[in-house]
Amino acid sequence: MRDWICCLCFTVLLAVAGCETQRASEHGTQLADYNTITVDGVTYAYEVRGDQAVIVKIKGYPREVRIPAEINGAPVVKIKRGAYSVPGAMSYKDPVHSAIAKRVDDSQREEVGYSYHPMAWWDDSYVRKCAYLAPPDTPEAVEGHAFYFGFALHSITLPDTFTTIGKGAFSRCIWLSSVTFPATLVSIGEGAFLHCGLSSVVLPDSLTSIGAYAFAHCNSLTSITIPENVVSIGEGAFCHCHSLGEIHVSEKNPMYYMEDGVLYSRKGEALWYSQATRNIVLRDDTTSILPYAFQSKYHVERSKGSLASITIPQGVTNIAENAFLGCARTVKVTVAPENNHFKFIGGKLVDRKGNILLETWDAYP
């Protein structure tokens, strides 16, 4: 339903903005100022920097895009911010998702307006004024917000000249179901595929870093494979992916592994759980439960949910305040008596300061 509302709202925005002159960038430069080339039926406006080509605009909002590896002999090394975004998208006052925000100095920020935390569509306690577009001319091959709100996009193929995907690069491409990653890809930025229509993702062996909220709200995502070289996964990278049954982690990965439906790091962190696994007993060597690790699909009556029970061992010393966001009040919580940091008392999971991390119906006699 939210996808349809989102699409409808931006269709109206597109109609209103359609009379505007199409721009090559958000700074007003006209497409006529750039060279153009048509490859596989898609027209690109580009500029040449030295012996390299930079794509400034992709014309016509095609459903399928195969970024060329080179243009007239010059390797394509970058896609600029807003290259595929619909008219008005880059100045749209986005009322949702602060996950794509870049945490930089104010001098580098371009304010978009009030924005919600990824989970805030039902819990307005996480509303924050911290939504900022990724700044222009960043080093990523696919600049931040290059395809932002590109709801016409269904398929994208990136060339092996690319190594990085910027923050929010494909955010809100709600019909994007297929991505062919370059074999050279090293990092995926924060919120890069936030709220996309991806169903299955196989990441390249070259990848080392997955940013926070990178695949959050990909409601159709059913499987993802983490290769052996990934050593960093940001918070909430897979939060609100309620169709995601399991994350497949390479047995050769030195940092992450799956066990009994939970994604762990070798540092003792619990990052994510398969919502097909309703009863969780954390490993004895677990020390931290990260943000959204046990986030559950929200039900209005709060009497249903994916997580049925969880056992927290003695060694857990840190639980993020939003680790159990959306969990039903019927969840059963067991905390090891020897744990000196957390207690389950009166139907509430609390820390030593009395902060409530989770409430169950037992808290309401």
Protein backbone atom coordinates (compact mmCIF):
# COMPACT_ATOMS: atom_id res chain seq x y z
CA MET A 1 0.00 0.00 0.00
CA ARG A 2 2.79 2.43 0.94
CA ASP A 3 4.54 1.76 -2.37
CA TRP A 4 1.37 2.67 -4.28
CA ILE A 5 0.90 5.83 -2.25
CA CYS A 6 4.55 6.71 -2.77
CA CYS A 7 4.25 6.12 -6.53
CA LEU A 8 1.01 8.12 -6.78
CA CYS A 9 2.44 11.08 -4.90
CA PHE A 10 5.48 11.24 -7.10
CA THR A 11 3.46 10.77 -10.27
CA VAL A 12 1.62 13.96 -9.29
CA LEU A 13 4.96 15.61 -8.58
CA LEU A 14 6.23 14.52 -11.98
CA ALA A 15 3.18 15.98 -13.72
CA VAL A 16 3.61 19.29 -11.94
CA ALA A 17 7.31 19.41 -12.66
CA GLY A 18 6.96 18.23 -16.25
CA CYS A 19 6.73 21.76 -17.57
CA GLU A 20 10.11 22.57 -16.09
CA THR A 21 13.17 22.54 -18.26
CA GLN A 22 14.93 19.20 -17.85
CA ARG A 23 18.23 19.71 -16.12
CA ALA A 24 21.48 17.86 -16.28
CA SER A 25 22.19 18.64 -12.66
CA GLU A 26 20.60 20.22 -9.66
CA HIS A 27 22.66 23.35 -10.30
CA GLY A 28 20.77 24.26 -13.46
CA THR A 29 23.18 23.26 -16.21
CA GLN A 30 21.28 22.43 -19.42
CA LEU A 31 21.62 19.10 -21.18
CA ALA A 32 22.63 20.96 -24.32
CA ASP A 33 25.89 21.79 -22.59
CA TYR A 34 26.89 18.11 -22.66
CA ASN A 35 27.71 15.50 -25.23
CA THR A 36 25.12 12.74 -25.70
CA ILE A 37 25.36 9.15 -26.83
CA THR A 38 22.79 6.38 -27.25
CA VAL A 39 23.76 2.87 -26.16
CA ASP A 40 21.33 -0.07 -26.24
CA GLY A 41 18.44 2.33 -26.78
CA VAL A 42 19.32 4.53 -23.77
CA THR A 43 20.58 8.09 -24.24
CA TYR A 44 23.22 9.43 -21.87
CA ALA A 45 24.42 13.00 -21.42
CA TYR A 46 28.05 12.93 -20.37
CA GLU A 47 31.18 14.94 -19.88
CA VAL A 48 34.80 13.97 -20.36
CA ARG A 49 37.26 14.61 -17.57
CA GLY A 50 40.76 13.97 -18.79
CA ASP A 51 40.59 10.52 -20.33
CA GLN A 52 37.50 9.45 -18.33
CA ALA A 53 33.76 9.80 -18.93
CA VAL A 54 31.17 10.90 -16.36
CA ILE A 55 27.44 10.32 -16.93
CA VAL A 56 25.48 13.43 -16.01
CA LYS A 57 21.96 12.46 -17.08
CA ILE A 58 20.08 9.40 -18.29
CA LYS A 59 17.30 10.63 -20.55
CA GLY A 60 13.74 9.36 -20.70
CA TYR A 61 13.67 7.26 -17.50
CA PRO A 62 14.08 3.86 -19.20
CA ARG A 63 12.96 0.69 -17.38
CA GLU A 64 16.20 -1.18 -18.07
CA VAL A 65 19.62 0.45 -17.93
CA ARG A 66 22.98 -1.11 -18.78
CA ILE A 67 25.65 1.46 -17.96
CA PRO A 68 28.33 1.27 -20.67
CA ALA A 69 31.86 0.50 -19.53
CA GLU A 70 33.22 3.16 -21.87
CA ILE A 71 32.07 6.00 -24.08
CA ASN A 72 34.07 6.68 -27.24
CA GLY A 73 37.04 4.88 -25.74
CA ALA A 74 36.91 6.73 -22.39
CA PRO A 75 36.12 4.50 -19.39
CA VAL A 76 32.94 5.47 -17.56
CA VAL A 77 33.96 6.11 -13.94
CA LYS A 78 31.01 7.95 -12.43
CA ILE A 79 27.25 8.59 -12.51
CA LYS A 80 26.39 12.00 -11.12
CA ARG A 81 23.90 12.77 -8.38
CA GLY A 82 20.36 13.11 -9.77
CA ALA A 83 21.29 11.52 -13.12
CA TYR A 84 18.10 9.44 -13.21
CA SER A 85 15.99 11.15 -10.54
CA VAL A 86 12.59 12.41 -11.69
CA PRO A 87 12.10 16.21 -12.01
CA GLY A 88 11.72 17.77 -8.59
CA ALA A 89 13.03 14.73 -6.70
CA MET A 90 16.24 16.38 -5.61
CA SER A 91 14.38 19.33 -4.07
CA TYR A 92 11.48 17.25 -2.72
CA LYS A 93 10.85 17.69 1.02
CA ASP A 94 11.08 13.99 1.80
CA PRO A 95 8.91 13.16 4.83
CA VAL A 96 10.39 9.69 5.28
CA HIS A 97 13.69 7.95 6.02
CA SER A 98 16.63 9.66 7.66
CA ALA A 99 18.68 6.54 6.96
CA ILE A 100 20.00 8.06 3.74
CA ALA A 101 21.33 11.07 5.63
CA LYS A 102 25.06 11.70 5.50
CA ARG A 103 26.60 12.51 8.86
CA VAL A 104 28.87 15.34 7.77
CA ASP A 105 29.58 18.90 8.82
CA ASP A 106 26.74 21.35 8.21
CA SER A 107 28.87 23.12 5.62
CA GLN A 108 28.68 20.02 3.43
CA ARG A 109 24.98 19.36 3.90
CA GLU A 110 22.12 20.23 1.63
CA GLU A 111 18.96 20.14 3.68
CA VAL A 112 15.93 18.27 2.35
CA GLY A 113 13.60 18.86 5.29
CA TYR A 114 11.99 16.88 8.08
CA SER A 115 12.60 13.20 7.76
CA TYR A 116 11.60 10.10 9.65
CA HIS A 117 13.73 7.27 10.90
CA PRO A 118 13.29 4.12 8.72
CA MET A 119 10.88 2.68 11.28
CA ALA A 120 9.08 5.93 12.04
CA TRP A 121 6.16 5.42 9.70
CA TRP A 122 4.37 3.93 12.66
CA ASP A 123 6.40 5.23 15.60
CA ASP A 124 6.77 9.00 15.44
CA SER A 125 9.09 9.03 18.44
CA TYR A 126 11.89 8.62 15.92
CA VAL A 127 11.07 11.71 13.87
CA ARG A 128 14.26 13.64 13.32
CA LYS A 129 15.20 16.69 11.34
CA CYS A 130 18.26 15.10 9.79
CA ALA A 131 17.53 14.32 6.15
CA TYR A 132 20.23 15.60 3.88
CA LEU A 133 21.05 14.86 0.29
CA ALA A 134 24.46 13.40 -0.35
CA PRO A 135 26.70 16.27 -1.46
CA PRO A 136 27.63 16.58 -5.14
CA ASP A 137 31.00 15.53 -6.52
CA THR A 138 31.60 12.77 -3.99
CA PRO A 139 34.19 10.10 -4.78
CA GLU A 140 31.69 7.24 -5.27
CA ALA A 141 31.32 5.80 -8.76
CA VAL A 142 27.54 5.96 -8.37
CA GLU A 143 27.12 9.23 -6.51
CA GLY A 144 24.69 9.51 -3.64
CA HIS A 145 21.08 9.85 -4.85
CA ALA A 146 22.05 9.27 -8.48
CA PHE A 147 18.82 7.32 -9.07
CA TYR A 148 16.84 8.71 -6.13
CA PHE A 149 13.09 8.16 -6.54
CA GLY A 150 13.66 6.57 -9.95
CA PHE A 151 10.38 4.68 -9.79
CA ALA A 152 10.46 3.82 -13.52
CA LEU A 153 13.66 1.81 -13.10
CA HIS A 154 13.26 -1.98 -13.11
CA SER A 155 16.75 -3.22 -13.90
CA ILE A 156 20.30 -1.84 -13.67
CA THR A 157 23.64 -3.27 -14.76
CA LEU A 158 26.79 -1.54 -13.53
CA PRO A 159 30.12 -1.91 -15.33
CA ASP A 160 33.32 -3.33 -13.86
CA THR A 161 34.85 0.14 -13.87
CA PHE A 162 32.77 0.90 -10.75
CA THR A 163 33.95 0.19 -7.21
CA THR A 164 31.57 2.19 -4.99
CA ILE A 165 27.86 2.94 -4.67
CA GLY A 166 27.02 6.11 -2.75
CA LYS A 167 24.50 6.88 -0.03
CA GLY A 168 20.90 6.59 -1.12
CA ALA A 169 22.03 5.99 -4.70
CA PHE A 170 18.97 3.88 -5.59
CA SER A 171 16.80 4.88 -2.64
CA ARG A 172 13.05 4.63 -3.35
CA CYS A 173 13.45 2.90 -6.70
CA ILE A 174 10.40 0.91 -5.66
CA TRP A 175 10.17 -1.18 -8.85
CA LEU A 176 13.89 -1.94 -9.06
CA SER A 177 13.95 -5.75 -8.96
CA SER A 178 17.25 -6.63 -10.62
CA VAL A 179 20.76 -5.32 -10.02
CA THR A 180 23.87 -6.69 -11.68
CA PHE A 181 26.75 -5.61 -9.50
CA PRO A 182 30.23 -5.04 -10.89
CA ALA A 183 32.81 -7.67 -10.02
CA THR A 184 34.99 -4.79 -8.78
CA LEU A 185 32.50 -3.40 -6.24
CA VAL A 186 34.08 -2.62 -2.84
CA SER A 187 31.47 -0.68 -0.87
CA ILE A 188 27.73 -0.02 -0.75
CA GLY A 189 26.77 3.21 1.01
CA GLU A 190 24.13 3.99 3.62
CA GLY A 191 20.58 3.50 2.37
CA ALA A 192 21.86 2.73 -1.12
CA PHE A 193 18.93 0.40 -1.93
CA LEU A 194 16.54 1.59 0.74
CA HIS A 195 12.91 0.88 -0.19
CA CYS A 196 13.65 -0.96 -3.43
CA GLY A 197 11.80 -3.88 -5.02
CA LEU A 198 14.73 -6.31 -4.97
CA SER A 199 13.82 -9.98 -4.49
CA SER A 200 17.22 -11.69 -4.50
CA VAL A 201 20.71 -10.25 -4.10
CA VAL A 202 24.06 -11.92 -4.72
CA LEU A 203 26.88 -9.58 -3.82
CA PRO A 204 30.27 -9.80 -5.57
CA ASP A 205 33.27 -11.38 -3.88
CA SER A 206 35.11 -8.05 -4.06
CA LEU A 207 32.69 -6.36 -1.63
CA THR A 208 34.07 -5.37 1.78
CA SER A 209 31.50 -2.93 3.24
CA ILE A 210 27.69 -2.68 3.47
CA GLY A 211 26.44 0.62 4.86
CA ALA A 212 23.74 1.22 7.44
CA TYR A 213 20.19 0.67 6.12
CA ALA A 214 21.66 -0.36 2.75
CA PHE A 215 18.79 -2.76 1.99
CA ALA A 216 16.26 -1.59 4.57
CA HIS A 217 12.58 -1.75 3.63
CA CYS A 218 13.21 -4.07 0.68
CA ASN A 219 9.94 -5.83 1.42
CA SER A 220 10.23 -8.28 -1.49
CA LEU A 221 13.76 -9.40 -0.64
CA THR A 222 13.80 -13.15 0.04
CA SER A 223 17.50 -13.99 -0.05
CA ILE A 224 20.88 -12.30 0.07
CA THR A 225 24.39 -13.71 -0.04
CA ILE A 226 27.23 -12.11 1.92
CA PRO A 227 30.61 -12.90 0.34
CA GLU A 228 33.80 -13.78 2.17
CA ASN A 229 35.45 -10.35 2.07
CA VAL A 230 32.69 -8.34 3.77
CA VAL A 231 34.12 -7.11 7.08
CA SER A 232 31.70 -4.27 7.84
CA ILE A 233 27.88 -4.25 7.95
CA GLY A 234 26.18 -1.09 9.20
CA GLU A 235 23.26 -0.97 11.61
CA GLY A 236 19.83 -1.86 10.26
CA ALA A 237 21.29 -2.93 6.91
CA PHE A 238 18.44 -5.42 6.46
CA CYS A 239 15.81 -4.01 8.80
CA HIS A 240 12.18 -4.22 7.75
CA CYS A 241 12.94 -6.88 5.13
CA HIS A 242 10.10 -9.08 6.34
CA SER A 243 10.28 -11.55 3.45
CA LEU A 244 13.97 -12.19 4.02
CA GLY A 245 14.11 -15.77 5.28
CA GLU A 246 17.85 -16.17 5.60
CA ILE A 247 21.10 -14.44 4.93
CA HIS A 248 23.66 -16.73 3.35
CA VAL A 249 27.17 -15.96 4.57
CA SER A 250 30.25 -17.40 2.93
CA GLU A 251 31.93 -20.00 5.14
CA LYS A 252 35.20 -18.21 4.42
CA ASN A 253 33.99 -14.90 5.85
CA PRO A 254 36.21 -14.03 8.85
CA MET A 255 33.80 -11.53 10.43
CA TYR A 256 30.18 -12.73 10.09
CA TYR A 257 28.28 -15.98 10.32
CA MET A 258 24.73 -17.31 10.66
CA GLU A 259 23.76 -19.65 13.47
CA ASP A 260 20.24 -20.79 14.41
CA GLY A 261 18.65 -18.01 12.41
CA VAL A 262 20.78 -15.16 13.83
CA LEU A 263 23.46 -13.15 12.04
CA TYR A 264 26.45 -12.67 14.36
CA SER A 265 29.76 -10.88 14.11
CA ARG A 266 32.96 -12.37 15.53
CA LYS A 267 32.91 -9.46 17.96
CA GLY A 268 29.95 -11.02 19.74
CA GLU A 269 27.32 -8.80 18.13
CA ALA A 270 23.84 -9.95 17.11
CA LEU A 271 22.89 -8.00 13.97
CA TRP A 272 19.77 -9.59 12.48
CA TYR A 273 17.49 -12.58 12.80
CA SER A 274 15.39 -14.56 10.37
CA GLN A 275 11.74 -13.96 11.16
CA ALA A 276 11.15 -17.58 10.24
CA THR A 277 12.99 -18.38 13.48
CA ARG A 278 10.51 -17.45 16.20
CA ASN A 279 12.38 -18.68 19.25
CA ILE A 280 15.85 -17.26 19.80
CA VAL A 281 18.50 -18.44 22.25
CA LEU A 282 21.50 -16.17 21.86
CA ARG A 283 24.98 -17.64 21.94
CA ASP A 284 26.70 -17.51 25.31
CA ASP A 285 29.48 -15.36 23.87
CA THR A 286 27.06 -12.66 22.67
CA THR A 287 27.94 -9.24 24.12
CA SER A 288 25.84 -6.78 22.09
CA ILE A 289 22.44 -6.63 20.42
CA LEU A 290 22.64 -4.01 17.70
CA PRO A 291 19.92 -1.61 16.46
CA TYR A 292 16.99 -3.39 14.75
CA ALA A 293 18.58 -6.80 15.31
CA PHE A 294 15.24 -8.26 16.42
CA GLN A 295 12.95 -5.70 14.83
CA SER A 296 9.68 -7.42 14.00
CA LYS A 297 6.90 -6.82 11.54
CA TYR A 298 4.46 -4.41 13.11
CA HIS A 299 0.89 -5.39 13.90
CA VAL A 300 -1.55 -2.77 15.11
CA GLU A 301 -2.96 -4.96 17.87
CA ARG A 302 0.60 -5.79 19.03
CA SER A 303 -0.59 -9.33 19.81
CA LYS A 304 1.00 -10.87 16.74
CA GLY A 305 4.57 -10.84 15.57
CA SER A 306 7.50 -12.82 14.32
CA LEU A 307 9.53 -13.11 17.52
CA ALA A 308 7.94 -15.45 20.07
CA SER A 309 10.73 -15.74 22.63
CA ILE A 310 14.32 -14.71 23.27
CA THR A 311 16.90 -15.79 25.82
CA ILE A 312 19.59 -13.24 26.69
CA PRO A 313 22.78 -14.70 28.15
CA GLN A 314 24.97 -13.45 30.97
CA GLY A 315 27.58 -11.80 28.75
CA VAL A 316 25.31 -9.27 27.00
CA THR A 317 26.37 -5.80 28.14
CA ASN A 318 24.81 -3.65 25.41
CA ILE A 319 21.33 -3.63 23.89
CA ALA A 320 20.40 -0.83 21.49
CA GLU A 321 17.26 1.05 22.47
CA ASN A 322 15.55 0.08 19.20
CA ALA A 323 16.81 -3.51 19.06
CA PHE A 324 13.29 -4.92 19.54
CA LEU A 325 11.34 -2.28 17.63
CA GLY A 326 7.94 -3.59 16.55
CA CYS A 327 8.03 -6.76 18.60
CA ALA A 328 4.65 -8.04 19.77
CA ARG A 329 3.79 -7.72 23.44
CA THR A 330 3.36 -11.49 23.58
CA VAL A 331 7.10 -12.14 23.27
CA LYS A 332 8.61 -14.10 26.15
CA VAL A 333 11.90 -12.77 27.46
CA THR A 334 14.40 -14.67 29.59
CA VAL A 335 17.49 -12.96 30.96
CA ALA A 336 20.24 -15.00 32.59
CA PRO A 337 20.14 -14.36 36.36
CA GLU A 338 23.90 -13.70 36.29
CA ASN A 339 23.48 -10.79 33.85
CA ASN A 340 24.23 -7.60 35.78
CA HIS A 341 23.27 -5.21 32.99
CA PHE A 342 19.69 -6.17 32.12
CA LYS A 343 16.67 -7.54 33.93
CA PHE A 344 13.20 -8.65 32.93
CA ILE A 345 10.92 -7.33 35.67
CA GLY A 346 7.17 -6.81 35.67
CA GLY A 347 6.87 -7.60 31.99
CA LYS A 348 9.58 -5.11 31.03
CA LEU A 349 13.14 -5.57 29.79
CA VAL A 350 15.14 -2.80 31.45
CA ASP A 351 18.76 -1.78 31.74
CA ARG A 352 20.58 -0.77 34.93
CA LYS A 353 19.29 2.80 34.63
CA GLY A 354 15.71 1.63 34.39
CA ASN A 355 15.34 2.42 30.68
CA ILE A 356 12.66 0.23 29.10
CA LEU A 357 13.86 -1.70 26.05
CA LEU A 358 10.84 -3.94 25.57
CA GLU A 359 7.39 -4.27 27.12
CA THR A 360 5.10 -7.27 27.13
CA TRP A 361 1.47 -7.72 28.14
CA ASP A 362 2.70 -8.79 31.59
CA ALA A 363 3.42 -5.11 32.19
CA TYR A 364 -0.33 -4.41 31.97
CA PRO A 365 -2.05 -6.63 34.57
